[in-house]
């Protein structure tokens, strides 16, 4: 997990591509989901900024994944 943290939220566009590819191929992505959540919890403000941009994507799957992960950033803010 250390390489993802080193990149921070800036890696999210590429991570979401791989994440969605996993779903498209029929994987449950449980481990991938956990890694994305860990990233959001480790840097909620940095990740939130990237997710806000991704939430305006022309790709519906990217928008949906961004909305899902944003919940973890928002929960961290409320904590």
C-alpha atoms as a PDB file:
ATOM      1  CA  UNK A   1       0.000   0.000   0.000  1.00  0.00           C
ATOM      2  CA  UNK A   2       2.936   2.375   0.462  1.00  0.00           C
ATOM      3  CA  UNK A   3       3.316   3.188  -3.276  1.00  0.00           C
ATOM      4  CA  UNK A   4      -0.321   4.309  -3.515  1.00  0.00           C
ATOM      5  CA  UNK A   5       0.054   6.577  -0.495  1.00  0.00           C
ATOM      6  CA  UNK A   6       3.181   8.084  -2.009  1.00  0.00           C
ATOM      7  CA  UNK A   7       1.130   9.084  -5.063  1.00  0.00           C
ATOM      8  CA  UNK A   8      -1.835  10.158  -3.005  1.00  0.00           C
ATOM      9  CA  UNK A   9      -5.027  11.189  -4.664  1.00  0.00           C
ATOM     10  CA  UNK A  10      -3.271  12.064  -7.904  1.00  0.00           C
ATOM     11  CA  UNK A  11      -3.242   8.346  -8.788  1.00  0.00           C
ATOM     12  CA  UNK A  12      -7.039   8.053  -8.550  1.00  0.00           C
ATOM     13  CA  UNK A  13      -7.845   8.471 -12.266  1.00  0.00           C
ATOM     14  CA  UNK A  14      -5.646   5.492 -13.139  1.00  0.00           C
ATOM     15  CA  UNK A  15      -6.763   3.543 -10.080  1.00  0.00           C
ATOM     16  CA  UNK A  16     -10.417   4.036 -11.017  1.00  0.00           C
ATOM     17  CA  UNK A  17      -9.717   2.733 -14.534  1.00  0.00           C
ATOM     18  CA  UNK A  18      -8.241  -0.449 -13.075  1.00  0.00           C
ATOM     19  CA  UNK A  19     -10.988  -0.639 -10.446  1.00  0.00           C
ATOM     20  CA  UNK A  20     -13.740  -0.477 -13.054  1.00  0.00           C
ATOM     21  CA  UNK A  21     -11.919  -2.964 -15.283  1.00  0.00           C
ATOM     22  CA  UNK A  22     -12.042  -5.400 -12.377  1.00  0.00           C
ATOM     23  CA  UNK A  23     -15.806  -5.006 -12.080  1.00  0.00           C
ATOM     24  CA  UNK A  24     -16.222  -5.322 -15.844  1.00  0.00           C
ATOM     25  CA  UNK A  25     -14.296  -8.608 -15.700  1.00  0.00           C
ATOM     26  CA  UNK A  26     -16.546  -9.922 -12.927  1.00  0.00           C
ATOM     27  CA  UNK A  27     -14.279  -9.444  -9.919  1.00  0.00           C
ATOM     28  CA  UNK A  28     -15.701  -8.302  -6.581  1.00  0.00           C
ATOM     29  CA  UNK A  29     -12.748  -5.908  -6.019  1.00  0.00           C
ATOM     30  CA  UNK A  30     -12.933  -6.309  -2.236  1.00  0.00           C
ATOM     31  CA  UNK A  31      -9.191  -5.856  -1.756  1.00  0.00           C
ATOM     32  CA  UNK A  32      -9.083  -2.986  -4.238  1.00  0.00           C
ATOM     33  CA  UNK A  33     -12.019  -1.317  -2.468  1.00  0.00           C
ATOM     34  CA  UNK A  34     -10.227  -1.613   0.855  1.00  0.00           C
ATOM     35  CA  UNK A  35      -7.088  -0.026  -0.607  1.00  0.00           C
ATOM     36  CA  UNK A  36      -9.058   2.899  -2.036  1.00  0.00           C
ATOM     37  CA  UNK A  37     -10.815   3.420   1.291  1.00  0.00           C
ATOM     38  CA  UNK A  38      -7.463   3.371   3.073  1.00  0.00           C
ATOM     39  CA  UNK A  39      -6.184   6.033   0.689  1.00  0.00           C
ATOM     40  CA  UNK A  40      -9.260   8.200   1.323  1.00  0.00           C
ATOM     41  CA  UNK A  41      -8.888   7.844   5.078  1.00  0.00           C
ATOM     42  CA  UNK A  42      -5.159   8.605   4.982  1.00  0.00           C
ATOM     43  CA  UNK A  43      -5.551  11.854   3.008  1.00  0.00           C
ATOM     44  CA  UNK A  44      -9.214  12.881   2.959  1.00  0.00           C
ATOM     45  CA  UNK A  45      -8.604  16.482   1.897  1.00  0.00           C
ATOM     46  CA  UNK A  46      -6.202  15.587  -0.924  1.00  0.00           C
ATOM     47  CA  UNK A  47      -8.392  12.760  -2.166  1.00  0.00           C
ATOM     48  CA  UNK A  48     -11.535  14.900  -1.913  1.00  0.00           C
ATOM     49  CA  UNK A  49     -10.037  17.464  -4.303  1.00  0.00           C
ATOM     50  CA  UNK A  50      -9.334  14.819  -6.939  1.00  0.00           C
ATOM     51  CA  UNK A  51     -12.743  13.210  -6.431  1.00  0.00           C
ATOM     52  CA  UNK A  52     -14.516  16.525  -6.919  1.00  0.00           C
ATOM     53  CA  UNK A  53     -12.891  16.800 -10.348  1.00  0.00           C
ATOM     54  CA  UNK A  54     -13.670  13.151 -11.167  1.00  0.00           C
ATOM     55  CA  UNK A  55     -17.312  13.667 -10.182  1.00  0.00           C
ATOM     56  CA  UNK A  56     -17.627  15.849 -13.301  1.00  0.00           C
ATOM     57  CA  UNK A  57     -16.292  13.131 -15.612  1.00  0.00           C
ATOM     58  CA  UNK A  58     -18.168  12.225 -18.770  1.00  0.00           C
ATOM     59  CA  UNK A  59     -17.861   8.574 -17.703  1.00  0.00           C
ATOM     60  CA  UNK A  60     -20.768   7.481 -15.516  1.00  0.00           C
ATOM     61  CA  UNK A  61     -18.728   4.724 -13.840  1.00  0.00           C
ATOM     62  CA  UNK A  62     -16.042   7.233 -12.824  1.00  0.00           C
ATOM     63  CA  UNK A  63     -18.695   9.565 -11.392  1.00  0.00           C
ATOM     64  CA  UNK A  64     -20.292   6.691  -9.471  1.00  0.00           C
ATOM     65  CA  UNK A  65     -16.964   5.460  -8.080  1.00  0.00           C
ATOM     66  CA  UNK A  66     -15.989   9.018  -7.115  1.00  0.00           C
ATOM     67  CA  UNK A  67     -19.289   9.497  -5.254  1.00  0.00           C
ATOM     68  CA  UNK A  68     -18.787   6.189  -3.425  1.00  0.00           C
ATOM     69  CA  UNK A  69     -15.249   7.039  -2.298  1.00  0.00           C
ATOM     70  CA  UNK A  70     -16.209  10.620  -1.394  1.00  0.00           C
ATOM     71  CA  UNK A  71     -18.388   9.181   1.379  1.00  0.00           C
ATOM     72  CA  UNK A  72     -15.250   7.971   3.167  1.00  0.00           C
ATOM     73  CA  UNK A  73     -13.589  11.373   2.861  1.00  0.00           C
ATOM     74  CA  UNK A  74     -16.701  13.039   4.233  1.00  0.00           C
ATOM     75  CA  UNK A  75     -16.962  10.534   7.100  1.00  0.00           C
ATOM     76  CA  UNK A  76     -13.364  11.277   8.029  1.00  0.00           C
ATOM     77  CA  UNK A  77     -14.176  15.004   8.106  1.00  0.00           C
ATOM     78  CA  UNK A  78     -17.096  14.369  10.463  1.00  0.00           C
ATOM     79  CA  UNK A  79     -14.978  12.272  12.830  1.00  0.00           C
END
